[in-house]
Structures are given as structure tokens and as C-alpha cells.
C-alpha atoms as a PDB file:
ATOM      1  CA  MET A   1      -0.026   0.062   0.048  1.00  0.00           C
ATOM      2  CA  PRO A   2       1.227   3.076  -0.871  1.00  0.00           C
ATOM      3  CA  SER A   3       0.122   4.652   2.877  1.00  0.00           C
ATOM      4  CA  GLU A   4      -0.026   3.049   6.045  1.00  0.00           C
ATOM      5  CA  PRO A   5      -1.563   4.724   9.187  1.00  0.00           C
ATOM      6  CA  GLN A   6       0.537   4.889  12.027  1.00  0.00           C
ATOM      7  CA  PRO A   7      -0.402   5.873  15.577  1.00  0.00           C
ATOM      8  CA  LYS A   8      -2.706   9.057  16.187  1.00  0.00           C
ATOM      9  CA  GLY A   9      -4.036   9.580  12.532  1.00  0.00           C
ATOM     10  CA  THR A  10      -0.426   9.975  11.215  1.00  0.00           C
ATOM     11  CA  TYR A  11      -0.096   8.663   7.980  1.00  0.00           C
ATOM     12  CA  THR A  12       3.826   7.525   6.462  1.00  0.00           C
ATOM     13  CA  LEU A  13       3.734   7.068   2.333  1.00  0.00           C
ATOM     14  CA  ASP A  14       6.470   4.966   0.765  1.00  0.00           C
ATOM     15  CA  LEU A  15       7.497   6.855  -1.834  1.00  0.00           C
ATOM     16  CA  LYS A  16       8.937   4.011  -3.898  1.00  0.00           C
ATOM     17  CA  HIS A  17       5.268   2.257  -4.004  1.00  0.00           C
ATOM     18  CA  PRO A  18       4.145   3.059  -8.257  1.00  0.00           C
ATOM     19  CA  ALA A  19       1.260   4.539  -7.321  1.00  0.00           C
ATOM     20  CA  LEU A  20       3.618   7.242  -6.147  1.00  0.00           C
ATOM     21  CA  HIS A  21       6.033   8.151  -8.773  1.00  0.00           C
ATOM     22  CA  LEU A  22       6.076  11.694 -10.227  1.00  0.00           C
ATOM     23  CA  SER A  23       6.530  12.253 -13.758  1.00  0.00           C
ATOM     24  CA  VAL A  24       6.455  15.696 -16.225  1.00  0.00           C
ATOM     25  CA  LEU A  25       3.534  15.513 -18.919  1.00  0.00           C
ATOM     26  CA  PRO A  26       5.910  16.395 -21.753  1.00  0.00           C
ATOM     27  CA  ASP A  27       3.461  19.482 -23.433  1.00  0.00           C
ATOM     28  CA  ALA A  28       4.856  22.784 -24.444  1.00  0.00           C
ATOM     29  CA  GLY A  29       2.803  24.194 -20.848  1.00  0.00           C
ATOM     30  CA  LEU A  30      -0.350  24.606 -19.499  1.00  0.00           C
ATOM     31  CA  TYR A  31      -2.006  28.095 -19.076  1.00  0.00           C
ATOM     32  CA  VAL A  32      -4.762  28.999 -16.715  1.00  0.00           C
ATOM     33  CA  HIS A  33      -7.456  30.830 -18.392  1.00  0.00           C
ATOM     34  CA  ARG A  34      -9.997  33.288 -16.123  1.00  0.00           C
ATOM     35  CA  PHE A  35     -13.409  33.965 -17.500  1.00  0.00           C
ATOM     36  CA  PRO A  36     -16.364  35.550 -15.562  1.00  0.00           C
ATOM     37  CA  ARG A  37     -19.078  33.470 -13.994  1.00  0.00           C
ATOM     38  CA  GLY A  38     -21.484  31.874 -16.100  1.00  0.00           C
ATOM     39  CA  THR A  39     -19.377  32.322 -19.304  1.00  0.00           C
ATOM     40  CA  ALA A  40     -19.591  29.473 -21.609  1.00  0.00           C
ATOM     41  CA  VAL A  41     -16.600  27.171 -21.807  1.00  0.00           C
ATOM     42  CA  PRO A  42     -15.079  27.745 -25.256  1.00  0.00           C
ATOM     43  CA  SER A  43     -15.282  24.870 -27.883  1.00  0.00           C
ATOM     44  CA  ALA A  44     -11.283  25.235 -28.331  1.00  0.00           C
ATOM     45  CA  PHE A  45     -11.329  23.237 -25.133  1.00  0.00           C
ATOM     46  CA  LEU A  46     -13.900  21.080 -25.007  1.00  0.00           C
ATOM     47  CA  ASP A  47     -12.916  20.259 -28.721  1.00  0.00           C
ATOM     48  CA  ALA A  48      -9.223  18.936 -27.570  1.00  0.00           C
ATOM     49  CA  GLY A  49      -8.801  15.136 -27.518  1.00  0.00           C
ATOM     50  CA  ASP A  50      -6.365  13.859 -25.608  1.00  0.00           C
ATOM     51  CA  ALA A  51      -4.616  17.001 -24.627  1.00  0.00           C
ATOM     52  CA  PHE A  52      -4.813  18.120 -20.852  1.00  0.00           C
ATOM     53  CA  VAL A  53      -7.852  20.333 -20.104  1.00  0.00           C
ATOM     54  CA  SER A  54      -9.492  20.623 -16.505  1.00  0.00           C
ATOM     55  CA  VAL A  55     -12.191  22.727 -16.307  1.00  0.00           C
ATOM     56  CA  THR A  56     -13.703  24.302 -13.095  1.00  0.00           C
ATOM     57  CA  ARG A  57     -17.031  26.311 -12.725  1.00  0.00           C
ATOM     58  CA  THR A  58     -17.879  28.012  -9.739  1.00  0.00           C
ATOM     59  CA  LYS A  59     -20.480  30.616  -8.772  1.00  0.00           C
ATOM     60  CA  ASP A  60     -17.763  33.105  -9.523  1.00  0.00           C
ATOM     61  CA  GLU A  61     -15.998  32.016 -12.110  1.00  0.00           C
ATOM     62  CA  VAL A  62     -14.858  29.624 -14.847  1.00  0.00           C
ATOM     63  CA  SER A  63     -11.049  28.640 -14.766  1.00  0.00           C
ATOM     64  CA  VAL A  64     -10.098  26.248 -17.399  1.00  0.00           C
ATOM     65  CA  VAL A  65      -6.072  24.604 -17.765  1.00  0.00           C
ATOM     66  CA  ALA A  66      -5.674  23.828 -21.055  1.00  0.00           C
ATOM     67  CA  ASP A  67      -2.060  23.289 -23.212  1.00  0.00           C
ATOM     68  CA  LYS A  68      -0.247  25.282 -25.526  1.00  0.00           C
ATOM     69  CA  ALA A  69      -2.505  24.327 -28.859  1.00  0.00           C
ATOM     70  CA  ALA A  70      -6.273  24.598 -27.164  1.00  0.00           C
ATOM     71  CA  THR A  71      -4.947  27.973 -25.220  1.00  0.00           C
ATOM     72  CA  GLU A  72      -3.984  29.694 -28.762  1.00  0.00           C
ATOM     73  CA  ALA A  73      -7.432  28.309 -30.445  1.00  0.00           C
ATOM     74  CA  ALA A  74      -8.769  30.318 -27.692  1.00  0.00           C
ATOM     75  CA  LEU A  75      -6.605  33.113 -27.283  1.00  0.00           C
ATOM     76  CA  GLY A  76      -8.101  36.270 -26.757  1.00  0.00           C
ATOM     77  CA  LYS A  77     -11.549  35.112 -24.890  1.00  0.00           C
ATOM     78  CA  ALA A  78      -9.983  34.878 -21.628  1.00  0.00           C
ATOM     79  CA  GLU A  79     -10.635  37.416 -18.926  1.00  0.00           C
ATOM     80  CA  GLN A  80      -6.997  36.751 -17.627  1.00  0.00           C
ATOM     81  CA  LEU A  81      -4.383  34.111 -18.901  1.00  0.00           C
ATOM     82  CA  GLY A  82      -1.469  33.246 -17.137  1.00  0.00           C
ATOM     83  CA  GLY A  83       1.172  30.503 -18.051  1.00  0.00           C
ATOM     84  CA  ALA A  84       2.992  28.726 -19.030  1.00  0.00           C
ATOM     85  CA  TRP A  85       2.943  26.445 -15.940  1.00  0.00           C
ATOM     86  CA  ALA A  86       4.775  22.157 -16.215  1.00  0.00           C
ATOM     87  CA  ALA A  87       2.897  19.377 -14.830  1.00  0.00           C
ATOM     88  CA  LEU A  88       3.837  17.184 -12.651  1.00  0.00           C
ATOM     89  CA  LYS A  89       1.472  13.827 -12.691  1.00  0.00           C
ATOM     90  CA  ILE A  90       1.897  11.424  -9.207  1.00  0.00           C
ATOM     91  CA  ALA A  91       1.212   8.164 -11.533  1.00  0.00           C
ATOM     92  CA  GLY A  92      -1.749   7.175  -9.342  1.00  0.00           C
ATOM     93  CA  PRO A  93      -4.263   5.850  -9.355  1.00  0.00           C
ATOM     94  CA  LEU A  94      -4.509   7.287  -5.680  1.00  0.00           C
ATOM     95  CA  GLU A  95      -7.023   5.275  -3.303  1.00  0.00           C
ATOM     96  CA  HIS A  96      -9.353   7.595  -1.775  1.00  0.00           C
ATOM     97  CA  HIS A  97      -8.789   7.155   1.804  1.00  0.00           C
ATOM     98  CA  MET A  98      -5.147   8.044   1.041  1.00  0.00           C
ATOM     99  CA  VAL A  99      -3.881  11.189   3.601  1.00  0.00           C
ATOM    100  CA  GLY A 100      -1.491  13.353   3.464  1.00  0.00           C
ATOM    101  CA  VAL A 101       0.098  13.104  -0.796  1.00  0.00           C
ATOM    102  CA  LEU A 102      -0.524  16.409  -1.946  1.00  0.00           C
ATOM    103  CA  SER A 103       0.628  18.134   1.708  1.00  0.00           C
ATOM    104  CA  GLN A 104       4.175  16.487   1.821  1.00  0.00           C
ATOM    105  CA  LEU A 105       4.707  16.732  -1.964  1.00  0.00           C
ATOM    106  CA  SER A 106       3.702  20.490  -1.304  1.00  0.00           C
ATOM    107  CA  GLN A 107       5.779  21.035   1.725  1.00  0.00           C
ATOM    108  CA  VAL A 108       8.309  19.935  -0.191  1.00  0.00           C
ATOM    109  CA  LEU A 109       7.992  22.773  -2.628  1.00  0.00           C
ATOM    110  CA  LYS A 110       6.892  25.546   0.141  1.00  0.00           C
ATOM    111  CA  ASP A 111      10.227  24.617   1.408  1.00  0.00           C
ATOM    112  CA  ALA A 112      12.143  25.538  -1.841  1.00  0.00           C
ATOM    113  CA  LYS A 113      10.207  28.712  -2.182  1.00  0.00           C
ATOM    114  CA  ILE A 114       7.878  27.251  -5.465  1.00  0.00           C
ATOM    115  CA  SER A 115       4.803  28.297  -5.603  1.00  0.00           C
ATOM    116  CA  ILE A 116       2.325  25.939  -7.059  1.00  0.00           C
ATOM    117  CA  PHE A 117      -1.363  25.171  -8.489  1.00  0.00           C
ATOM    118  CA  ALA A 118      -2.782  22.002  -7.793  1.00  0.00           C
ATOM    119  CA  ILE A 119      -5.186  20.017 -10.072  1.00  0.00           C
ATOM    120  CA  SER A 120      -6.960  16.599  -8.615  1.00  0.00           C
ATOM    121  CA  THR A 121      -8.791  14.007 -10.989  1.00  0.00           C
ATOM    122  CA  TRP A 122     -10.615  10.801  -9.768  1.00  0.00           C
ATOM    123  CA  ASP A 123      -7.190   9.124 -10.093  1.00  0.00           C
ATOM    124  CA  THR A 124      -4.600  11.187  -9.084  1.00  0.00           C
ATOM    125  CA  ASP A 125      -3.100  14.918  -8.850  1.00  0.00           C
ATOM    126  CA  TYR A 126      -1.534  17.253 -10.869  1.00  0.00           C
ATOM    127  CA  ILE A 127       0.918  19.685  -9.234  1.00  0.00           C
ATOM    128  CA  LEU A 128       1.834  22.604 -11.564  1.00  0.00           C
ATOM    129  CA  VAL A 129       4.663  24.629 -11.211  1.00  0.00           C
ATOM    130  CA  THR A 130       5.822  27.811 -13.307  1.00  0.00           C
ATOM    131  CA  ARG A 131       8.464  26.231 -16.002  1.00  0.00           C
ATOM    132  CA  ASP A 132      10.843  28.092 -14.549  1.00  0.00           C
ATOM    133  CA  LYS A 133      10.965  26.698 -11.267  1.00  0.00           C
ATOM    134  CA  LEU A 134      10.725  23.261 -12.627  1.00  0.00           C
ATOM    135  CA  ALA A 135      14.589  21.617 -12.457  1.00  0.00           C
ATOM    136  CA  GLY A 136      14.219  23.231  -9.238  1.00  0.00           C
ATOM    137  CA  ALA A 137      11.020  21.432  -7.794  1.00  0.00           C
ATOM    138  CA  LYS A 138      12.543  18.423  -9.090  1.00  0.00           C
ATOM    139  CA  ALA A 139      15.422  18.592  -8.004  1.00  0.00           C
ATOM    140  CA  GLU A 140      13.973  19.280  -3.972  1.00  0.00           C
ATOM    141  CA  LEU A 141      11.390  16.740  -4.890  1.00  0.00           C
ATOM    142  CA  LEU A 142      14.031  13.689  -5.485  1.00  0.00           C
ATOM    143  CA  GLU A 143      16.354  15.202  -2.918  1.00  0.00           C
ATOM    144  CA  ALA A 144      13.489  14.131  -0.396  1.00  0.00           C
ATOM    145  CA  GLY A 145      12.865  10.897  -1.801  1.00  0.00           C
ATOM    146  CA  TRP A 146      10.223  11.079  -4.491  1.00  0.00           C
ATOM    147  CA  VAL A 147      10.870   9.146  -7.628  1.00  0.00           C
ATOM    148  CA  PHE A 148      10.606  10.450 -11.127  1.00  0.00           C
ATOM    149  CA  ASP A 149       9.574   7.460 -13.865  1.00  0.00           C
END
């Protein structure tokens, strides 16, 4: 198991477990788009095939994280645009009862003063770091015992 309960409700993560291995998504960068609340998600994102696209809609805003190609297709439609980000993927699938995966990973990056943007799916988590911080993030995580495939 990638995570084992310890006394007093703490958990120890087995960073060598394949489900917790990390990889860097091979793309030309991800971009975060902010649209006003109620905005329909542009079709460029919905028609992006197998490209990385994450859509979050709340009562306050619509946020889309997408790769460069989808971003270029939707250019000029967002209220705000930020990037480029690199994505670190936790291999997964992660069990939903696991405790502390994002916390432990993000603590390493916090200590290195590297800002993150986290995205979770049913199977796994993604940690986005600005592309200029990717090499440093990877080095810090390796030093902390995380494994990259």
C-alpha cells in the first residue's frame, strides 16, 4: 500500500510505491484561463482531444487549464491568462482514503519557495509549477525521496 496508518492518525507514505511515482507531462506548457462567472466554456477546450484540459466552474468564475494548442485556439477569450506552467503528475491511481499525498509533496516545494497550482482528478493529482521553476522543483523532490519515472 502506498500509505499506511500510524499511531494517532498520522500516515507514512511509501514514496517508492509505483502509484506515488512522479512524471513531468511532456507538453509545451499549460496555461490558466479565467473567465467571468456564467461564461460558456469555449469549444476549443472541449474539442481538444487527448490534450490536458481541466475545467472548474464555481459561482464566482470559470477556470480552465489547458495546453498550448488549445490555448492558442481560444486566445483572446479569457478575462485573464497565466502561464506557462509545467505539470508534475502523481502516477496513481490514488486510493481516496490516502492522507497527506498533496501535503507532503507541496511541503517540499513550499520549503524551496516554489509556488504550486494543484489539480485533482478521480485517479490522481497534478502539481503545476512555473516552467522556470521545474528543474528546481524536480531536484528538491528527488532529494526528499520522491521518485520520477
